[in-house]
Amino acid sequence: MKKILLLSALISTLSLPVFAQSSSAEVDQVKEDNAKIRHETKDIKKDKTELSQERKEKNAIQAKENKEVKEGDAIAAKKLEAKREHEQKEINKDKKDISKDKKKRAEEIEKRNADASNIK
């Protein structure tokens, strides 16, 4: 009886590092996933900041354009309109970037959650 208990204790002790290693690898994967999520969140914040700045620029151009139209300067108004349209394209591009970053972050969160549920 003592030999069986001793043998089972020995087996469980030898198998413990194998389980600990797999658990450690899973924890490392979750940490890596968390780092990716933080990176995506930073990208989203950066893109939102850029979007806000471009909207401010577009609104300033719009105000100048309205002033030129009021004063009757059609040539200057046309130039400002082209500049404003360019800013709107930049805004649309940033909106797409934000949307892509949010989608990528959601995928990373889903992956992280799946990895975390595998930790024993």
PDB file of N, CA and C in Angstrom:
ATOM      1  N   MET A   1       0.815  -1.180   0.000  1.00  0.00           N
ATOM      2  CA  MET A   1       0.000   0.000   0.000  1.00  0.00           C
ATOM      3  C   MET A   1       0.871   1.261   0.000  1.00  0.00           C
ATOM      4  N   LYS A   2       1.942   1.238   0.818  1.00  0.00           N
ATOM      5  CA  LYS A   2       2.836   2.384   0.876  1.00  0.00           C
ATOM      6  C   LYS A   2       3.523   2.598  -0.469  1.00  0.00           C
ATOM      7  N   LYS A   3       3.853   1.475  -1.154  1.00  0.00           N
ATOM      8  CA  LYS A   3       4.520   1.590  -2.451  1.00  0.00           C
ATOM      9  C   LYS A   3       3.598   2.254  -3.468  1.00  0.00           C
ATOM     10  N   ILE A   4       2.325   1.942  -3.421  1.00  0.00           N
ATOM     11  CA  ILE A   4       1.362   2.535  -4.361  1.00  0.00           C
ATOM     12  C   ILE A   4       1.228   4.032  -4.109  1.00  0.00           C
ATOM     13  N   LEU A   5       1.118   4.408  -2.836  1.00  0.00           N
ATOM     14  CA  LEU A   5       1.010   5.832  -2.499  1.00  0.00           C
ATOM     15  C   LEU A   5       2.275   6.589  -2.889  1.00  0.00           C
ATOM     16  N   LEU A   6       3.421   5.964  -2.610  1.00  0.00           N
ATOM     17  CA  LEU A   6       4.689   6.588  -2.958  1.00  0.00           C
ATOM     18  C   LEU A   6       4.816   6.739  -4.469  1.00  0.00           C
ATOM     19  N   LEU A   7       4.435   5.697  -5.173  1.00  0.00           N
ATOM     20  CA  LEU A   7       4.501   5.729  -6.636  1.00  0.00           C
ATOM     21  C   LEU A   7       3.557   6.787  -7.211  1.00  0.00           C
ATOM     22  N   SER A   8       2.342   6.883  -6.699  1.00  0.00           N
ATOM     23  CA  SER A   8       1.395   7.882  -7.211  1.00  0.00           C
ATOM     24  C   SER A   8       1.868   9.301  -6.879  1.00  0.00           C
ATOM     25  N   ALA A   9       2.475   9.490  -5.707  1.00  0.00           N
ATOM     26  CA  ALA A   9       3.014  10.805  -5.347  1.00  0.00           C
ATOM     27  C   ALA A   9       4.154  11.181  -6.275  1.00  0.00           C
ATOM     28  N   LEU A  10       5.004  10.211  -6.604  1.00  0.00           N
ATOM     29  CA  LEU A  10       6.126  10.445  -7.508  1.00  0.00           C
ATOM     30  C   LEU A  10       5.629  10.807  -8.910  1.00  0.00           C
ATOM     31  N   ILE A  11       4.648  10.095  -9.384  1.00  0.00           N
ATOM     32  CA  ILE A  11       4.096  10.366 -10.722  1.00  0.00           C
ATOM     33  C   ILE A  11       3.467  11.754 -10.766  1.00  0.00           C
ATOM     34  N   SER A  12       2.709  12.101  -9.739  1.00  0.00           N
ATOM     35  CA  SER A  12       2.066  13.413  -9.745  1.00  0.00           C
ATOM     36  C   SER A  12       3.105  14.529  -9.657  1.00  0.00           C
ATOM     37  N   THR A  13       4.179  14.310  -8.934  1.00  0.00           N
ATOM     38  CA  THR A  13       5.245  15.303  -8.829  1.00  0.00           C
ATOM     39  C   THR A  13       5.963  15.469 -10.166  1.00  0.00           C
ATOM     40  N   LEU A  14       6.209  14.386 -10.873  1.00  0.00           N
ATOM     41  CA  LEU A  14       6.885  14.465 -12.159  1.00  0.00           C
ATOM     42  C   LEU A  14       6.010  15.100 -13.235  1.00  0.00           C
ATOM     43  N   SER A  15       4.726  14.884 -13.168  1.00  0.00           N
ATOM     44  CA  SER A  15       3.839  15.435 -14.192  1.00  0.00           C
ATOM     45  C   SER A  15       3.482  16.891 -13.928  1.00  0.00           C
ATOM     46  N   LEU A  16       3.700  17.383 -12.726  1.00  0.00           N
ATOM     47  CA  LEU A  16       3.366  18.762 -12.376  1.00  0.00           C
ATOM     48  C   LEU A  16       4.095  19.789 -13.238  1.00  0.00           C
ATOM     49  N   PRO A  17       5.394  19.676 -13.472  1.00  0.00           N
ATOM     50  CA  PRO A  17       6.058  20.687 -14.303  1.00  0.00           C
ATOM     51  C   PRO A  17       5.512  20.747 -15.728  1.00  0.00           C
ATOM     52  N   VAL A  18       5.042  19.625 -16.273  1.00  0.00           N
ATOM     53  CA  VAL A  18       4.487  19.631 -17.627  1.00  0.00           C
ATOM     54  C   VAL A  18       3.216  20.476 -17.658  1.00  0.00           C
ATOM     55  N   PHE A  19       2.349  20.296 -16.668  1.00  0.00           N
ATOM     56  CA  PHE A  19       1.128  21.090 -16.609  1.00  0.00           C
ATOM     57  C   PHE A  19       1.456  22.554 -16.347  1.00  0.00           C
ATOM     58  N   ALA A  20       2.424  22.799 -15.506  1.00  0.00           N
ATOM     59  CA  ALA A  20       2.804  24.172 -15.187  1.00  0.00           C
ATOM     60  C   ALA A  20       3.350  24.881 -16.427  1.00  0.00           C
ATOM     61  N   GLN A  21       4.081  24.150 -17.257  1.00  0.00           N
ATOM     62  CA  GLN A  21       4.634  24.749 -18.468  1.00  0.00           C
ATOM     63  C   GLN A  21       3.522  25.110 -19.446  1.00  0.00           C
ATOM     64  N   SER A  22       2.562  24.213 -19.613  1.00  0.00           N
ATOM     65  CA  SER A  22       1.494  24.508 -20.561  1.00  0.00           C
ATOM     66  C   SER A  22       0.657  25.676 -20.049  1.00  0.00           C
ATOM     67  N   SER A  23       0.431  25.720 -18.758  1.00  0.00           N
ATOM     68  CA  SER A  23      -0.323  26.822 -18.175  1.00  0.00           C
ATOM     69  C   SER A  23       0.452  28.135 -18.335  1.00  0.00           C
ATOM     70  N   SER A  24       1.751  28.071 -18.152  1.00  0.00           N
ATOM     71  CA  SER A  24       2.594  29.259 -18.305  1.00  0.00           C
ATOM     72  C   SER A  24       2.549  29.760 -19.747  1.00  0.00           C
ATOM     73  N   ALA A  25       2.574  28.836 -20.703  1.00  0.00           N
ATOM     74  CA  ALA A  25       2.504  29.222 -22.116  1.00  0.00           C
ATOM     75  C   ALA A  25       1.160  29.882 -22.421  1.00  0.00           C
ATOM     76  N   GLU A  26       0.103  29.360 -21.820  1.00  0.00           N
ATOM     77  CA  GLU A  26      -1.214  29.944 -22.045  1.00  0.00           C
ATOM     78  C   GLU A  26      -1.310  31.338 -21.422  1.00  0.00           C
ATOM     79  N   VAL A  27      -0.729  31.478 -20.254  1.00  0.00           N
ATOM     80  CA  VAL A  27      -0.714  32.790 -19.609  1.00  0.00           C
ATOM     81  C   VAL A  27       0.086  33.781 -20.453  1.00  0.00           C
ATOM     82  N   ASP A  28       1.212  33.330 -20.982  1.00  0.00           N
ATOM     83  CA  ASP A  28       2.019  34.193 -21.846  1.00  0.00           C
ATOM     84  C   ASP A  28       1.234  34.604 -23.091  1.00  0.00           C
ATOM     85  N   GLN A  29       0.448  33.680 -23.637  1.00  0.00           N
ATOM     86  CA  GLN A  29      -0.364  33.999 -24.816  1.00  0.00           C
ATOM     87  C   GLN A  29      -1.408  35.055 -24.477  1.00  0.00           C
ATOM     88  N   VAL A  30      -2.019  34.943 -23.315  1.00  0.00           N
ATOM     89  CA  VAL A  30      -3.010  35.932 -22.888  1.00  0.00           C
ATOM     90  C   VAL A  30      -2.339  37.292 -22.705  1.00  0.00           C
ATOM     91  N   LYS A  31      -1.134  37.302 -22.124  1.00  0.00           N
ATOM     92  CA  LYS A  31      -0.404  38.560 -21.960  1.00  0.00           C
ATOM     93  C   LYS A  31      -0.100  39.197 -23.319  1.00  0.00           C
ATOM     94  N   GLU A  32       0.289  38.360 -24.267  1.00  0.00           N
ATOM     95  CA  GLU A  32       0.575  38.850 -25.614  1.00  0.00           C
ATOM     96  C   GLU A  32      -0.692  39.424 -26.251  1.00  0.00           C
ATOM     97  N   ASP A  33      -1.806  38.722 -26.070  1.00  0.00           N
ATOM     98  CA  ASP A  33      -3.083  39.208 -26.596  1.00  0.00           C
ATOM     99  C   ASP A  33      -3.449  40.548 -25.962  1.00  0.00           C
ATOM    100  N   ASN A  34      -3.225  40.681 -24.658  1.00  0.00           N
ATOM    101  CA  ASN A  34      -3.514  41.942 -23.969  1.00  0.00           C
ATOM    102  C   ASN A  34      -2.664  43.077 -24.528  1.00  0.00           C
ATOM    103  N   ALA A  35      -1.410  42.781 -24.842  1.00  0.00           N
ATOM    104  CA  ALA A  35      -0.527  43.797 -25.421  1.00  0.00           C
ATOM    105  C   ALA A  35      -1.054  44.246 -26.787  1.00  0.00           C
ATOM    106  N   LYS A  36      -1.534  43.293 -27.578  1.00  0.00           N
ATOM    107  CA  LYS A  36      -2.097  43.634 -28.888  1.00  0.00           C
ATOM    108  C   LYS A  36      -3.344  44.498 -28.730  1.00  0.00           C
ATOM    109  N   ILE A  37      -4.158  44.177 -27.741  1.00  0.00           N
ATOM    110  CA  ILE A  37      -5.376  44.949 -27.491  1.00  0.00           C
ATOM    111  C   ILE A  37      -5.014  46.380 -27.098  1.00  0.00           C
ATOM    112  N   ARG A  38      -4.021  46.522 -26.226  1.00  0.00           N
ATOM    113  CA  ARG A  38      -3.581  47.863 -25.834  1.00  0.00           C
ATOM    114  C   ARG A  38      -3.071  48.647 -27.048  1.00  0.00           C
ATOM    115  N   HIS A  39      -2.348  47.960 -27.927  1.00  0.00           N
ATOM    116  CA  HIS A  39      -1.823  48.605 -29.127  1.00  0.00           C
ATOM    117  C   HIS A  39      -2.974  49.084 -30.020  1.00  0.00           C
ATOM    118  N   GLU A  40      -3.975  48.243 -30.212  1.00  0.00           N
ATOM    119  CA  GLU A  40      -5.119  48.624 -31.031  1.00  0.00           C
ATOM    120  C   GLU A  40      -5.868  49.802 -30.407  1.00  0.00           C
ATOM    121  N   THR A  41      -5.986  49.807 -29.090  1.00  0.00           N
ATOM    122  CA  THR A  41      -6.657  50.910 -28.400  1.00  0.00           C
ATOM    123  C   THR A  41      -5.890  52.213 -28.609  1.00  0.00           C
ATOM    124  N   LYS A  42      -4.554  52.144 -28.555  1.00  0.00           N
ATOM    125  CA  LYS A  42      -3.734  53.330 -28.821  1.00  0.00           C
ATOM    126  C   LYS A  42      -3.960  53.830 -30.243  1.00  0.00           C
ATOM    127  N   ASP A  43      -4.016  52.906 -31.204  1.00  0.00           N
ATOM    128  CA  ASP A  43      -4.250  53.288 -32.594  1.00  0.00           C
ATOM    129  C   ASP A  43      -5.594  53.994 -32.756  1.00  0.00           C
ATOM    130  N   ILE A  44      -6.598  53.470 -32.077  1.00  0.00           N
ATOM    131  CA  ILE A  44      -7.925  54.071 -32.163  1.00  0.00           C
ATOM    132  C   ILE A  44      -7.899  55.490 -31.600  1.00  0.00           C
ATOM    133  N   LYS A  45      -7.267  55.662 -30.449  1.00  0.00           N
ATOM    134  CA  LYS A  45      -7.189  56.995 -29.841  1.00  0.00           C
ATOM    135  C   LYS A  45      -6.435  57.966 -30.751  1.00  0.00           C
ATOM    136  N   LYS A  46      -5.339  57.498 -31.346  1.00  0.00           N
ATOM    137  CA  LYS A  46      -4.552  58.340 -32.251  1.00  0.00           C
ATOM    138  C   LYS A  46      -5.387  58.751 -33.461  1.00  0.00           C
ATOM    139  N   ASP A  47      -6.102  57.785 -34.036  1.00  0.00           N
ATOM    140  CA  ASP A  47      -6.942  58.079 -35.194  1.00  0.00           C
ATOM    141  C   ASP A  47      -8.068  59.045 -34.839  1.00  0.00           C
ATOM    142  N   LYS A  48      -8.638  58.896 -33.652  1.00  0.00           N
ATOM    143  CA  LYS A  48      -9.704  59.814 -33.228  1.00  0.00           C
ATOM    144  C   LYS A  48      -9.164  61.223 -33.053  1.00  0.00           C
ATOM    145  N   THR A  49      -7.953  61.345 -32.537  1.00  0.00           N
ATOM    146  CA  THR A  49      -7.321  62.652 -32.377  1.00  0.00           C
ATOM    147  C   THR A  49      -7.106  63.304 -33.737  1.00  0.00           C
ATOM    148  N   GLU A  50      -6.588  62.522 -34.694  1.00  0.00           N
ATOM    149  CA  GLU A  50      -6.374  63.030 -36.043  1.00  0.00           C
ATOM    150  C   GLU A  50      -7.699  63.440 -36.677  1.00  0.00           C
ATOM    151  N   LEU A  51      -8.718  62.638 -36.479  1.00  0.00           N
ATOM    152  CA  LEU A  51     -10.035  62.938 -37.028  1.00  0.00           C
ATOM    153  C   LEU A  51     -10.566  64.252 -36.477  1.00  0.00           C
ATOM    154  N   SER A  52     -10.421  64.448 -35.200  1.00  0.00           N
ATOM    155  CA  SER A  52     -10.877  65.687 -34.569  1.00  0.00           C
ATOM    156  C   SER A  52     -10.137  66.893 -35.149  1.00  0.00           C
ATOM    157  N   GLN A  53      -8.838  66.764 -35.307  1.00  0.00           N
ATOM    158  CA  GLN A  53      -8.030  67.866 -35.855  1.00  0.00           C
ATOM    159  C   GLN A  53      -8.447  68.167 -37.293  1.00  0.00           C
ATOM    160  N   GLU A  54      -8.669  67.151 -38.091  1.00  0.00           N
ATOM    161  CA  GLU A  54      -9.057  67.363 -39.484  1.00  0.00           C
ATOM    162  C   GLU A  54     -10.446  67.990 -39.580  1.00  0.00           C
ATOM    163  N   ARG A  55     -11.326  67.622 -38.670  1.00  0.00           N
ATOM    164  CA  ARG A  55     -12.657  68.240 -38.665  1.00  0.00           C
ATOM    165  C   ARG A  55     -12.551  69.735 -38.330  1.00  0.00           C
ATOM    166  N   LYS A  56     -11.681  70.055 -37.383  1.00  0.00           N
ATOM    167  CA  LYS A  56     -11.476  71.465 -37.035  1.00  0.00           C
ATOM    168  C   LYS A  56     -10.956  72.234 -38.244  1.00  0.00           C
ATOM    169  N   GLU A  57      -9.988  71.643 -38.955  1.00  0.00           N
ATOM    170  CA  GLU A  57      -9.426  72.298 -40.139  1.00  0.00           C
ATOM    171  C   GLU A  57     -10.497  72.479 -41.210  1.00  0.00           C
ATOM    172  N   LYS A  58     -11.301  71.441 -41.403  1.00  0.00           N
ATOM    173  CA  LYS A  58     -12.356  71.519 -42.422  1.00  0.00           C
ATOM    174  C   LYS A  58     -13.362  72.602 -42.064  1.00  0.00           C
ATOM    175  N   ASN A  59     -13.728  72.692 -40.796  1.00  0.00           N
ATOM    176  CA  ASN A  59     -14.689  73.705 -40.373  1.00  0.00           C
ATOM    177  C   ASN A  59     -14.126  75.115 -40.534  1.00  0.00           C
ATOM    178  N   ALA A  60     -12.830  75.273 -40.266  1.00  0.00           N
ATOM    179  CA  ALA A  60     -12.195  76.578 -40.455  1.00  0.00           C
ATOM    180  C   ALA A  60     -12.194  76.960 -41.938  1.00  0.00           C
ATOM    181  N   ILE A  61     -11.905  75.982 -42.784  1.00  0.00           N
ATOM    182  CA  ILE A  61     -11.915  76.237 -44.227  1.00  0.00           C
ATOM    183  C   ILE A  61     -13.325  76.592 -44.684  1.00  0.00           C
ATOM    184  N   GLN A  62     -14.313  75.890 -44.132  1.00  0.00           N
ATOM    185  CA  GLN A  62     -15.713  76.164 -44.482  1.00  0.00           C
ATOM    186  C   GLN A  62     -16.089  77.601 -44.110  1.00  0.00           C
ATOM    187  N   ALA A  63     -15.645  78.044 -42.937  1.00  0.00           N
ATOM    188  CA  ALA A  63     -15.944  79.412 -42.500  1.00  0.00           C
ATOM    189  C   ALA A  63     -15.299  80.432 -43.448  1.00  0.00           C
ATOM    190  N   LYS A  64     -14.041  80.174 -43.836  1.00  0.00           N
ATOM    191  CA  LYS A  64     -13.359  81.073 -44.774  1.00  0.00           C
ATOM    192  C   LYS A  64     -14.076  81.091 -46.119  1.00  0.00           C
ATOM    193  N   GLU A  65     -14.489  79.891 -46.561  1.00  0.00           N
ATOM    194  CA  GLU A  65     -15.186  79.792 -47.841  1.00  0.00           C
ATOM    195  C   GLU A  65     -16.494  80.600 -47.804  1.00  0.00           C
ATOM    196  N   ASN A  66     -17.243  80.459 -46.719  1.00  0.00           N
ATOM    197  CA  ASN A  66     -18.494  81.209 -46.584  1.00  0.00           C
ATOM    198  C   ASN A  66     -18.241  82.719 -46.607  1.00  0.00           C
ATOM    199  N   LYS A  67     -17.153  83.133 -45.957  1.00  0.00           N
ATOM    200  CA  LYS A  67     -16.791  84.557 -45.936  1.00  0.00           C
ATOM    201  C   LYS A  67     -16.474  85.056 -47.344  1.00  0.00           C
ATOM    202  N   GLU A  68     -15.714  84.257 -48.094  1.00  0.00           N
ATOM    203  CA  GLU A  68     -15.343  84.644 -49.466  1.00  0.00           C
ATOM    204  C   GLU A  68     -16.578  84.714 -50.361  1.00  0.00           C
ATOM    205  N   VAL A  69     -17.503  83.776 -50.173  1.00  0.00           N
ATOM    206  CA  VAL A  69     -18.727  83.800 -50.973  1.00  0.00           C
ATOM    207  C   VAL A  69     -19.528  85.066 -50.661  1.00  0.00           C
ATOM    208  N   LYS A  70     -19.610  85.408 -49.366  1.00  0.00           N
ATOM    209  CA  LYS A  70     -20.332  86.619 -48.947  1.00  0.00           C
ATOM    210  C   LYS A  70     -19.719  87.869 -49.568  1.00  0.00           C
ATOM    211  N   GLU A  71     -18.394  87.872 -49.622  1.00  0.00           N
ATOM    212  CA  GLU A  71     -17.689  89.039 -50.162  1.00  0.00           C
ATOM    213  C   GLU A  71     -17.667  89.041 -51.684  1.00  0.00           C
ATOM    214  N   GLY A  72     -18.098  87.930 -52.285  1.00  0.00           N
ATOM    215  CA  GLY A  72     -18.181  87.873 -53.745  1.00  0.00           C
ATOM    216  C   GLY A  72     -16.909  87.416 -54.424  1.00  0.00           C
ATOM    217  N   ASP A  73     -15.970  86.861 -53.703  1.00  0.00           N
ATOM    218  CA  ASP A  73     -14.711  86.384 -54.293  1.00  0.00           C
ATOM    219  C   ASP A  73     -14.871  84.907 -54.669  1.00  0.00           C
ATOM    220  N   ALA A  74     -15.360  84.664 -55.876  1.00  0.00           N
ATOM    221  CA  ALA A  74     -15.670  83.301 -56.315  1.00  0.00           C
ATOM    222  C   ALA A  74     -14.408  82.455 -56.506  1.00  0.00           C
ATOM    223  N   ILE A  75     -13.338  83.052 -56.963  1.00  0.00           N
ATOM    224  CA  ILE A  75     -12.100  82.300 -57.214  1.00  0.00           C
ATOM    225  C   ILE A  75     -11.536  81.765 -55.902  1.00  0.00           C
ATOM    226  N   ALA A  76     -11.465  82.624 -54.896  1.00  0.00           N
ATOM    227  CA  ALA A  76     -10.960  82.187 -53.588  1.00  0.00           C
ATOM    228  C   ALA A  76     -11.890  81.144 -52.979  1.00  0.00           C
ATOM    229  N   ALA A  77     -13.199  81.321 -53.186  1.00  0.00           N
ATOM    230  CA  ALA A  77     -14.167  80.363 -52.652  1.00  0.00           C
ATOM    231  C   ALA A  77     -13.984  78.987 -53.297  1.00  0.00           C
ATOM    232  N   LYS A  78     -13.719  78.965 -54.591  1.00  0.00           N
ATOM    233  CA  LYS A  78     -13.500  77.687 -55.294  1.00  0.00           C
ATOM    234  C   LYS A  78     -12.254  76.981 -54.764  1.00  0.00           C
ATOM    235  N   LYS A  79     -11.193  77.743 -54.531  1.00  0.00           N
ATOM    236  CA  LYS A  79      -9.964  77.155 -53.996  1.00  0.00           C
ATOM    237  C   LYS A  79     -10.210  76.569 -52.605  1.00  0.00           C
ATOM    238  N   LEU A  80     -10.934  77.309 -51.798  1.00  0.00           N
ATOM    239  CA  LEU A  80     -11.233  76.828 -50.451  1.00  0.00           C
ATOM    240  C   LEU A  80     -12.150  75.606 -50.489  1.00  0.00           C
ATOM    241  N   GLU A  81     -13.058  75.588 -51.454  1.00  0.00           N
ATOM    242  CA  GLU A  81     -13.944  74.429 -51.592  1.00  0.00           C
ATOM    243  C   GLU A  81     -13.134  73.172 -51.918  1.00  0.00           C
ATOM    244  N   ALA A  82     -12.162  73.308 -52.806  1.00  0.00           N
ATOM    245  CA  ALA A  82     -11.310  72.166 -53.152  1.00  0.00           C
ATOM    246  C   ALA A  82     -10.510  71.695 -51.936  1.00  0.00           C
ATOM    247  N   LYS A  83     -10.015  72.649 -51.189  1.00  0.00           N
ATOM    248  CA  LYS A  83      -9.250  72.326 -49.972  1.00  0.00           C
ATOM    249  C   LYS A  83     -10.147  71.622 -48.948  1.00  0.00           C
ATOM    250  N   ARG A  84     -11.383  72.103 -48.799  1.00  0.00           N
ATOM    251  CA  ARG A  84     -12.331  71.509 -47.853  1.00  0.00           C
ATOM    252  C   ARG A  84     -12.706  70.091 -48.280  1.00  0.00           C
ATOM    253  N   GLU A  85     -12.885  69.883 -49.574  1.00  0.00           N
ATOM    254  CA  GLU A  85     -13.206  68.541 -50.079  1.00  0.00           C
ATOM    255  C   GLU A  85     -12.059  67.566 -49.798  1.00  0.00           C
ATOM    256  N   HIS A  86     -10.837  68.072 -49.928  1.00  0.00           N
ATOM    257  CA  HIS A  86      -9.680  67.235 -49.612  1.00  0.00           C
ATOM    258  C   HIS A  86      -9.688  66.851 -48.132  1.00  0.00           C
ATOM    259  N   GLU A  87      -9.983  67.797 -47.271  1.00  0.00           N
ATOM    260  CA  GLU A  87     -10.061  67.512 -45.830  1.00  0.00           C
ATOM    261  C   GLU A  87     -11.157  66.493 -45.535  1.00  0.00           C
ATOM    262  N   GLN A  88     -12.281  66.600 -46.268  1.00  0.00           N
ATOM    263  CA  GLN A  88     -13.366  65.638 -46.051  1.00  0.00           C
ATOM    264  C   GLN A  88     -12.918  64.231 -46.438  1.00  0.00           C
ATOM    265  N   LYS A  89     -12.126  64.112 -47.480  1.00  0.00           N
ATOM    266  CA  LYS A  89     -11.597  62.797 -47.864  1.00  0.00           C
ATOM    267  C   LYS A  89     -10.704  62.238 -46.763  1.00  0.00           C
ATOM    268  N   GLU A  90      -9.895  63.095 -46.176  1.00  0.00           N
ATOM    269  CA  GLU A  90      -9.029  62.665 -45.066  1.00  0.00           C
ATOM    270  C   GLU A  90      -9.871  62.219 -43.870  1.00  0.00           C
ATOM    271  N   ILE A  91     -10.946  62.940 -43.608  1.00  0.00           N
ATOM    272  CA  ILE A  91     -11.834  62.578 -42.503  1.00  0.00           C
ATOM    273  C   ILE A  91     -12.447  61.206 -42.758  1.00  0.00           C
ATOM    274  N   ASN A  92     -12.911  60.984 -43.971  1.00  0.00           N
ATOM    275  CA  ASN A  92     -13.506  59.685 -44.308  1.00  0.00           C
ATOM    276  C   ASN A  92     -12.493  58.556 -44.166  1.00  0.00           C
ATOM    277  N   LYS A  93     -11.249  58.831 -44.562  1.00  0.00           N
ATOM    278  CA  LYS A  93     -10.185  57.826 -44.434  1.00  0.00           C
ATOM    279  C   LYS A  93      -9.943  57.492 -42.964  1.00  0.00           C
ATOM    280  N   ASP A  94      -9.896  58.513 -42.122  1.00  0.00           N
ATOM    281  CA  ASP A  94      -9.688  58.281 -40.683  1.00  0.00           C
ATOM    282  C   ASP A  94     -10.848  57.511 -40.070  1.00  0.00           C
ATOM    283  N   LYS A  95     -12.054  57.801 -40.514  1.00  0.00           N
ATOM    284  CA  LYS A  95     -13.212  57.061 -40.011  1.00  0.00           C
ATOM    285  C   LYS A  95     -13.088  55.569 -40.347  1.00  0.00           C
ATOM    286  N   LYS A  96     -12.650  55.285 -41.562  1.00  0.00           N
ATOM    287  CA  LYS A  96     -12.453  53.878 -41.967  1.00  0.00           C
ATOM    288  C   LYS A  96     -11.364  53.233 -41.118  1.00  0.00           C
ATOM    289  N   ASP A  97     -10.272  53.965 -40.882  1.00  0.00           N
ATOM    290  CA  ASP A  97      -9.185  53.436 -40.057  1.00  0.00           C
ATOM    291  C   ASP A  97      -9.675  53.105 -38.657  1.00  0.00           C
ATOM    292  N   ILE A  98     -10.472  53.983 -38.089  1.00  0.00           N
ATOM    293  CA  ILE A  98     -11.009  53.753 -36.749  1.00  0.00           C
ATOM    294  C   ILE A  98     -11.887  52.507 -36.749  1.00  0.00           C
ATOM    295  N   SER A  99     -12.706  52.390 -37.762  1.00  0.00           N
ATOM    296  CA  SER A  99     -13.590  51.228 -37.855  1.00  0.00           C
ATOM    297  C   SER A  99     -12.790  49.930 -37.969  1.00  0.00           C
ATOM    298  N   LYS A 100     -11.743  49.949 -38.796  1.00  0.00           N
ATOM    299  CA  LYS A 100     -10.895  48.759 -38.943  1.00  0.00           C
ATOM    300  C   LYS A 100     -10.185  48.426 -37.637  1.00  0.00           C
ATOM    301  N   ASP A 101      -9.672  49.459 -36.967  1.00  0.00           N
ATOM    302  CA  ASP A 101      -8.975  49.239 -35.697  1.00  0.00           C
ATOM    303  C   ASP A 101      -9.920  48.677 -34.633  1.00  0.00           C
ATOM    304  N   LYS A 102     -11.146  49.167 -34.602  1.00  0.00           N
ATOM    305  CA  LYS A 102     -12.117  48.653 -33.640  1.00  0.00           C
ATOM    306  C   LYS A 102     -12.444  47.186 -33.926  1.00  0.00           C
ATOM    307  N   LYS A 103     -12.576  46.859 -35.198  1.00  0.00           N
ATOM    308  CA  LYS A 103     -12.863  45.475 -35.581  1.00  0.00           C
ATOM    309  C   LYS A 103     -11.695  44.570 -35.187  1.00  0.00           C
ATOM    310  N   LYS A 104     -10.476  45.037 -35.467  1.00  0.00           N
ATOM    311  CA  LYS A 104      -9.292  44.255 -35.128  1.00  0.00           C
ATOM    312  C   LYS A 104      -9.169  44.077 -33.617  1.00  0.00           C
ATOM    313  N   ARG A 105      -9.473  45.147 -32.858  1.00  0.00           N
ATOM    314  CA  ARG A 105      -9.424  45.055 -31.401  1.00  0.00           C
ATOM    315  C   ARG A 105     -10.460  44.058 -30.886  1.00  0.00           C
ATOM    316  N   ALA A 106     -11.644  44.071 -31.472  1.00  0.00           N
ATOM    317  CA  ALA A 106     -12.687  43.128 -31.053  1.00  0.00           C
ATOM    318  C   ALA A 106     -12.250  41.687 -31.310  1.00  0.00           C
ATOM    319  N   GLU A 107     -11.574  41.467 -32.436  1.00  0.00           N
ATOM    320  CA  GLU A 107     -11.061  40.122 -32.737  1.00  0.00           C
ATOM    321  C   GLU A 107      -9.995  39.714 -31.724  1.00  0.00           C
ATOM    322  N   GLU A 108      -9.125  40.668 -31.366  1.00  0.00           N
ATOM    323  CA  GLU A 108      -8.082  40.372 -30.383  1.00  0.00           C
ATOM    324  C   GLU A 108      -8.687  40.060 -29.015  1.00  0.00           C
ATOM    325  N   ILE A 109      -9.728  40.784 -28.645  1.00  0.00           N
ATOM    326  CA  ILE A 109     -10.388  40.525 -27.363  1.00  0.00           C
ATOM    327  C   ILE A 109     -11.021  39.143 -27.373  1.00  0.00           C
ATOM    328  N   GLU A 110     -11.642  38.803 -28.486  1.00  0.00           N
ATOM    329  CA  GLU A 110     -12.256  37.475 -28.604  1.00  0.00           C
ATOM    330  C   GLU A 110     -11.192  36.381 -28.499  1.00  0.00           C
ATOM    331  N   LYS A 111     -10.068  36.583 -29.165  1.00  0.00           N
ATOM    332  CA  LYS A 111      -8.975  35.612 -29.119  1.00  0.00           C
ATOM    333  C   LYS A 111      -8.411  35.509 -27.703  1.00  0.00           C
ATOM    334  N   ARG A 112      -8.224  36.658 -27.048  1.00  0.00           N
ATOM    335  CA  ARG A 112      -7.721  36.673 -25.691  1.00  0.00           C
ATOM    336  C   ARG A 112      -8.653  35.930 -24.743  1.00  0.00           C
ATOM    337  N   ASN A 113      -9.944  36.159 -24.888  1.00  0.00           N
ATOM    338  CA  ASN A 113     -10.912  35.491 -24.038  1.00  0.00           C
ATOM    339  C   ASN A 113     -10.906  33.978 -24.253  1.00  0.00           C
ATOM    340  N   ALA A 114     -10.735  33.564 -25.491  1.00  0.00           N
ATOM    341  CA  ALA A 114     -10.654  32.128 -25.775  1.00  0.00           C
ATOM    342  C   ALA A 114      -9.382  31.543 -25.164  1.00  0.00           C
ATOM    343  N   ASP A 115      -8.275  32.263 -25.283  1.00  0.00           N
ATOM    344  CA  ASP A 115      -7.024  31.785 -24.675  1.00  0.00           C
ATOM    345  C   ASP A 115      -7.127  31.732 -23.165  1.00  0.00           C
ATOM    346  N   ALA A 116      -7.776  32.712 -22.579  1.00  0.00           N
ATOM    347  CA  ALA A 116      -7.909  32.763 -21.118  1.00  0.00           C
ATOM    348  C   ALA A 116      -8.798  31.638 -20.615  1.00  0.00           C
ATOM    349  N   SER A 117      -9.789  31.251 -21.395  1.00  0.00           N
ATOM    350  CA  SER A 117     -10.668  30.162 -20.942  1.00  0.00           C
ATOM    351  C   SER A 117      -9.979  28.810 -20.990  1.00  0.00           C
ATOM    352  N   ASN A 118      -8.857  28.720 -21.715  1.00  0.00           N
ATOM    353  CA  ASN A 118      -8.116  27.464 -21.788  1.00  0.00           C
ATOM    354  C   ASN A 118      -7.130  27.275 -20.654  1.00  0.00           C
ATOM    355  N   ILE A 119      -6.907  28.337 -19.868  1.00  0.00           N
ATOM    356  CA  ILE A 119      -5.947  28.240 -18.749  1.00  0.00           C
ATOM    357  C   ILE A 119      -6.576  27.385 -17.670  1.00  0.00           C
ATOM    358  N   LYS A 120      -5.757  26.450 -17.175  1.00  0.00           N
ATOM    359  CA  LYS A 120      -6.256  25.519 -16.140  1.00  0.00           C
ATOM    360  C   LYS A 120      -5.674  25.855 -14.807  1.00  0.00           C
TER     361      LYS A 120
END
